[in-house]
Amino acid sequence: MEYGNDAGGRTNLYEQLARIGKVVVHPKRIELLDLLCQAERSVETLAAATDLKLSTASAHLQVMRHARLVETRREGTRVFYRSAGDEVCRFVSALGDLGRARLAEVDQILREIDAGHGDTERITRTELLERARSGEVVVIDVRPVEEYAAGHIPGAISMPLANLEARLGEIAPALEIVAYCRGPLCLLAPEAVATLRARGRSARCLADGLPEWRRAGLPVATGVEGLGGTVHGGAAHLATKSGRRR
C-alpha cells in the first residue's frame, strides 16, 4: 500500500487542499487574487476593476476567504480585502507560469497580444539594472496609484496607463523608457509601450513585473514619492534609492 493504511486521513487531507481548488476553478477569482497580490482594495474597487456586480464580487471573495487565501479589515462600513500572505501570491504567479508552460492557448494569446501592440520588445531585470547604472533609462510603473504605493521598484515613477499621454512631457525625450506592471500576464505595460512608441519615444517592457522583482530578492519601496516632477535624468540608483522598503 503506497500511502499506508490511513485512507480516511489521506482523503481528508486532499479535501482540505481542494478548498483552494474551488477558488482557482473560476477565472474571476484568479483575477481578484491577482489584484489583491498587488495591493489591498475595497469590495467596491474590486468589483469595478473586474467588471462584476458588487454582490457577485462579494460572493467570490467569500469563497476565497473560506479557503483562507484572503483576509479582511473594516474601515467604518467599508470592507477591505488583501492577500493572506506571500505564499498566496507565489501560488498565483506559479499558476501563471504553469499555464504558460503547459497550455498552448495561453502562449498563443500572449503572442497575439504582443503582435497587436507591435511585437513589444522586452528587457530583463539584469539588463535593466545595467542600463540604470548609466542613467540613460527611466522606469515607469503603469499600474494604478494604490498598487504603486503598496510596493514598487525603487526609483520608478508612478505613471498609470490612463494618465500616460497627459504626463509624457514630464520625461525628457532623450531618455529610454522601461514600463512595468503586474507581471508577464499583465497587459498594462505592453499597452503603455505601444502608446509611447506611437508618440516617437524609445520604450520597452520589463520582461516580468513587480511580483517577480520582489521574489528575486531585489529591493521594493513603498509610498508615493514618485508621483510627480519632471524627469531629466535616468534611474541611475534604481535598486539602491533610499526610502521605505520591504
Protein backbone atom coordinates (compact mmCIF):
# COMPACT_ATOMS: atom_id res chain seq x y z
CA MET A 1 0.00 0.00 0.00
CA GLU A 2 1.76 3.08 -1.29
CA TYR A 3 0.29 5.51 1.24
CA GLY A 4 -0.22 3.25 4.25
CA ASN A 5 -3.48 2.33 5.93
CA ASP A 6 -4.88 5.74 6.82
CA ALA A 7 -7.10 6.15 3.77
CA GLY A 8 -9.56 8.34 5.67
CA GLY A 9 -6.89 10.77 6.78
CA ARG A 10 -5.49 10.96 3.27
CA THR A 11 -8.95 11.71 1.90
CA ASN A 12 -9.49 14.46 4.45
CA LEU A 13 -6.12 15.97 3.56
CA TYR A 14 -6.98 16.21 -0.12
CA GLU A 15 -10.43 17.55 0.70
CA GLN A 16 -8.75 20.43 2.53
CA LEU A 17 -6.45 21.12 -0.40
CA ALA A 18 -9.49 21.08 -2.69
CA ARG A 19 -10.74 24.19 -0.88
CA ILE A 20 -8.02 26.09 -2.74
CA GLY A 21 -9.05 24.36 -5.96
CA LYS A 22 -12.54 25.80 -5.55
CA VAL A 23 -11.01 29.27 -5.77
CA VAL A 24 -9.00 28.80 -8.95
CA VAL A 25 -11.82 26.98 -10.74
CA HIS A 26 -13.32 30.40 -11.61
CA PRO A 27 -11.40 32.91 -13.79
CA LYS A 28 -12.76 35.94 -11.93
CA ARG A 29 -11.46 34.58 -8.63
CA ILE A 30 -7.99 34.23 -10.14
CA GLU A 31 -8.26 37.82 -11.38
CA LEU A 32 -9.34 39.02 -7.95
CA LEU A 33 -6.43 37.21 -6.31
CA ASP A 34 -4.02 38.73 -8.81
CA LEU A 35 -5.29 42.23 -7.97
CA LEU A 36 -5.07 41.60 -4.24
CA CYS A 37 -1.46 40.47 -4.60
CA GLN A 38 -0.72 43.99 -5.86
CA ALA A 39 -2.49 45.96 -3.15
CA GLU A 40 -5.30 45.94 -0.62
CA ARG A 41 -8.64 47.00 -2.10
CA SER A 42 -12.24 47.59 -1.03
CA VAL A 43 -15.01 45.35 -2.31
CA GLU A 44 -16.35 48.24 -4.38
CA THR A 45 -12.97 48.83 -6.04
CA LEU A 46 -12.53 45.13 -6.76
CA ALA A 47 -15.99 44.88 -8.32
CA ALA A 48 -15.29 47.86 -10.60
CA ALA A 49 -11.83 46.58 -11.59
CA THR A 50 -13.18 43.16 -12.58
CA ASP A 51 -16.47 44.32 -14.17
CA LEU A 52 -18.55 42.44 -11.61
CA LYS A 53 -21.68 43.37 -9.74
CA LEU A 54 -20.96 44.17 -6.11
CA SER A 55 -22.92 41.15 -4.89
CA THR A 56 -21.11 38.83 -7.30
CA ALA A 57 -17.69 40.13 -6.30
CA SER A 58 -18.61 39.71 -2.63
CA ALA A 59 -19.70 36.12 -3.23
CA HIS A 60 -16.40 35.28 -4.95
CA LEU A 61 -14.43 36.94 -2.15
CA GLN A 62 -16.29 34.89 0.46
CA VAL A 63 -15.22 31.67 -1.29
CA MET A 64 -11.64 32.95 -1.26
CA ARG A 65 -11.90 33.90 2.39
CA HIS A 66 -13.28 30.47 3.28
CA ALA A 67 -10.19 28.96 1.63
CA ARG A 68 -8.11 31.39 3.75
CA LEU A 69 -6.44 32.94 0.73
CA VAL A 70 -7.62 36.45 1.60
CA GLU A 71 -8.09 38.46 4.77
CA THR A 72 -10.28 41.46 5.59
CA ARG A 73 -10.42 44.59 7.66
CA ARG A 74 -13.18 47.13 8.22
CA GLU A 75 -12.98 50.88 7.96
CA GLY A 76 -16.35 52.23 9.02
CA THR A 77 -18.90 50.50 6.82
CA ARG A 78 -16.37 49.54 4.13
CA VAL A 79 -14.67 46.16 3.94
CA PHE A 80 -11.13 45.92 2.55
CA TYR A 81 -9.53 42.71 1.27
CA ARG A 82 -5.88 41.74 0.98
CA SER A 83 -3.96 38.57 0.14
CA ALA A 84 -3.41 36.34 3.17
CA GLY A 85 0.35 36.18 2.65
CA ASP A 86 3.30 35.99 0.30
CA GLU A 87 2.72 32.29 -0.29
CA VAL A 88 -0.68 33.13 -1.80
CA CYS A 89 0.95 35.46 -4.31
CA ARG A 90 3.64 32.90 -5.09
CA PHE A 91 0.83 30.45 -5.83
CA VAL A 92 -0.85 32.92 -8.20
CA SER A 93 2.45 33.54 -10.00
CA ALA A 94 3.14 29.79 -10.19
CA LEU A 95 -0.31 29.26 -11.69
CA GLY A 96 0.54 31.75 -14.44
CA ASP A 97 3.90 30.08 -15.03
CA LEU A 98 2.23 26.67 -15.26
CA GLY A 99 -0.35 28.00 -17.70
CA ARG A 100 2.34 29.43 -19.97
CA ALA A 101 4.36 26.22 -19.80
CA ARG A 102 1.57 23.69 -20.32
CA LEU A 103 -1.27 25.46 -22.13
CA ALA A 104 -0.51 26.37 -25.74
CA GLU A 105 -3.58 28.59 -25.71
CA VAL A 106 -2.06 30.85 -23.05
CA ASP A 107 1.14 31.29 -25.04
CA GLN A 108 -0.85 31.95 -28.22
CA ILE A 109 -2.98 34.61 -26.52
CA LEU A 110 0.13 36.36 -25.23
CA ARG A 111 1.74 36.24 -28.69
CA GLU A 112 -1.38 37.73 -30.27
CA ILE A 113 -1.45 40.48 -27.66
CA ASP A 114 2.20 41.29 -28.31
CA ALA A 115 1.57 41.33 -32.07
CA GLY A 116 -1.36 43.66 -31.53
CA HIS A 117 0.97 46.05 -29.73
CA GLY A 118 3.63 45.94 -32.41
CA ASP A 119 5.64 42.99 -31.07
CA THR A 120 6.55 44.58 -27.74
CA GLU A 121 10.28 44.49 -27.06
CA ARG A 122 11.14 43.31 -23.55
CA ILE A 123 14.10 43.86 -21.25
CA THR A 124 15.26 41.54 -18.45
CA ARG A 125 15.86 42.60 -14.86
CA THR A 126 19.61 42.19 -15.35
CA GLU A 127 19.60 44.39 -18.46
CA LEU A 128 17.51 47.00 -16.71
CA LEU A 129 19.87 47.22 -13.74
CA GLU A 130 22.84 47.59 -16.09
CA ARG A 131 21.13 50.31 -18.14
CA ALA A 132 20.01 52.10 -14.99
CA ARG A 133 23.58 52.47 -13.78
CA SER A 134 24.36 54.57 -16.86
CA GLY A 135 21.46 56.93 -16.11
CA GLU A 136 20.06 56.53 -19.63
CA VAL A 137 16.77 54.89 -18.75
CA VAL A 138 13.73 55.91 -16.76
CA VAL A 139 11.41 53.30 -15.28
CA ILE A 140 7.67 53.92 -15.09
CA ASP A 141 5.10 51.95 -13.11
CA VAL A 142 1.88 51.94 -15.14
CA ARG A 143 -0.28 50.22 -12.52
CA PRO A 144 -2.92 52.17 -10.53
CA VAL A 145 -1.54 54.52 -7.87
CA GLU A 146 -2.69 52.34 -4.94
CA GLU A 147 -0.62 49.44 -6.28
CA TYR A 148 2.42 51.69 -6.68
CA ALA A 149 2.04 52.95 -3.11
CA ALA A 150 1.81 49.39 -1.78
CA GLY A 151 5.10 48.42 -3.42
CA HIS A 152 7.21 49.44 -6.42
CA ILE A 153 10.69 49.27 -7.91
CA PRO A 154 12.83 51.90 -6.14
CA GLY A 155 13.32 54.93 -8.37
CA ALA A 156 10.35 54.08 -10.59
CA ILE A 157 7.86 56.84 -11.41
CA SER A 158 4.15 56.25 -10.92
CA MET A 159 2.54 56.92 -14.28
CA PRO A 160 -0.74 54.96 -14.56
CA LEU A 161 -1.72 53.96 -18.08
CA ALA A 162 -4.82 56.16 -18.01
CA ASN A 163 -2.64 59.26 -17.37
CA LEU A 164 0.33 58.33 -19.54
CA GLU A 165 -0.25 60.56 -22.55
CA ALA A 166 -1.12 63.59 -20.43
CA ARG A 167 2.09 63.22 -18.40
CA LEU A 168 4.51 62.25 -21.16
CA GLY A 169 6.01 65.75 -21.16
CA GLU A 170 7.43 65.05 -17.71
CA ILE A 171 10.06 62.71 -19.20
CA ALA A 172 12.96 64.12 -21.20
CA PRO A 173 12.67 62.96 -24.85
CA ALA A 174 16.24 61.61 -24.95
CA LEU A 175 15.61 59.03 -22.23
CA GLU A 176 14.70 55.44 -22.95
CA ILE A 177 11.57 54.41 -21.05
CA VAL A 178 11.01 50.99 -19.46
CA ALA A 179 7.45 50.26 -18.38
CA TYR A 180 6.40 47.54 -15.97
CA CYS A 181 3.17 46.35 -14.39
CA ARG A 182 1.92 43.21 -12.60
CA GLY A 183 3.89 40.53 -14.43
CA PRO A 184 4.11 38.55 -17.68
CA LEU A 185 0.33 38.15 -17.96
CA CYS A 186 -0.43 41.84 -17.38
CA LEU A 187 -1.38 43.95 -20.40
CA LEU A 188 -0.82 47.43 -18.96
CA ALA A 189 2.89 47.68 -19.78
CA PRO A 190 2.58 46.46 -23.41
CA GLU A 191 -0.22 48.99 -23.96
CA ALA A 192 1.92 51.73 -22.44
CA VAL A 193 4.88 50.86 -24.68
CA ALA A 194 2.64 50.88 -27.76
CA THR A 195 1.39 54.35 -26.79
CA LEU A 196 4.92 55.62 -26.15
CA ARG A 197 6.27 54.32 -29.45
CA ALA A 198 3.34 55.85 -31.30
CA ARG A 199 4.46 59.19 -29.81
CA GLY A 200 8.00 58.65 -31.07
CA ARG A 201 9.50 57.61 -27.73
CA SER A 202 12.05 54.82 -27.21
CA ALA A 203 10.30 52.34 -24.94
CA ARG A 204 10.44 48.74 -23.81
CA CYS A 205 8.64 46.49 -21.32
CA LEU A 206 10.23 44.82 -18.34
CA ALA A 207 10.04 41.09 -19.13
CA ASP A 208 8.20 40.46 -15.87
CA GLY A 209 6.69 42.65 -13.16
CA LEU A 210 6.78 43.75 -9.54
CA PRO A 211 5.94 40.28 -8.10
CA GLU A 212 8.88 38.68 -9.89
CA TRP A 213 11.15 41.57 -8.92
CA ARG A 214 10.26 41.00 -5.26
CA ARG A 215 10.71 37.23 -5.50
CA ALA A 216 14.20 37.76 -6.96
CA GLY A 217 15.18 39.40 -3.67
CA LEU A 218 15.53 42.89 -5.15
CA PRO A 219 14.50 45.90 -3.02
CA VAL A 220 10.92 47.14 -3.09
CA ALA A 221 9.95 50.65 -2.00
CA THR A 222 6.58 51.77 -0.64
CA GLY A 223 4.87 55.14 -0.52
CA VAL A 224 4.20 57.80 -3.13
CA GLU A 225 7.50 59.62 -3.59
CA GLY A 226 7.45 59.13 -7.36
CA LEU A 227 4.11 60.70 -8.19
CA GLY A 228 5.25 63.88 -9.89
CA GLY A 229 8.05 66.06 -11.18
CA THR A 230 9.88 66.37 -14.47
CA VAL A 231 12.47 63.68 -15.20
CA HIS A 232 15.64 64.94 -16.86
CA GLY A 233 17.97 62.10 -15.88
CA GLY A 234 17.67 58.33 -15.79
CA ALA A 235 17.16 55.94 -12.92
CA ALA A 236 20.83 55.64 -12.03
CA HIS A 237 20.04 54.43 -8.50
CA LEU A 238 17.20 52.12 -9.45
CA ALA A 239 17.99 49.36 -6.96
CA THR A 240 19.56 51.45 -4.22
CA LYS A 241 17.41 54.55 -3.93
CA SER A 242 16.64 55.38 -0.32
CA GLY A 243 13.14 55.13 1.05
CA ARG A 244 10.87 52.65 2.78
CA ARG A 245 11.34 49.11 1.55
CA ARG A 246 10.04 45.68 2.32
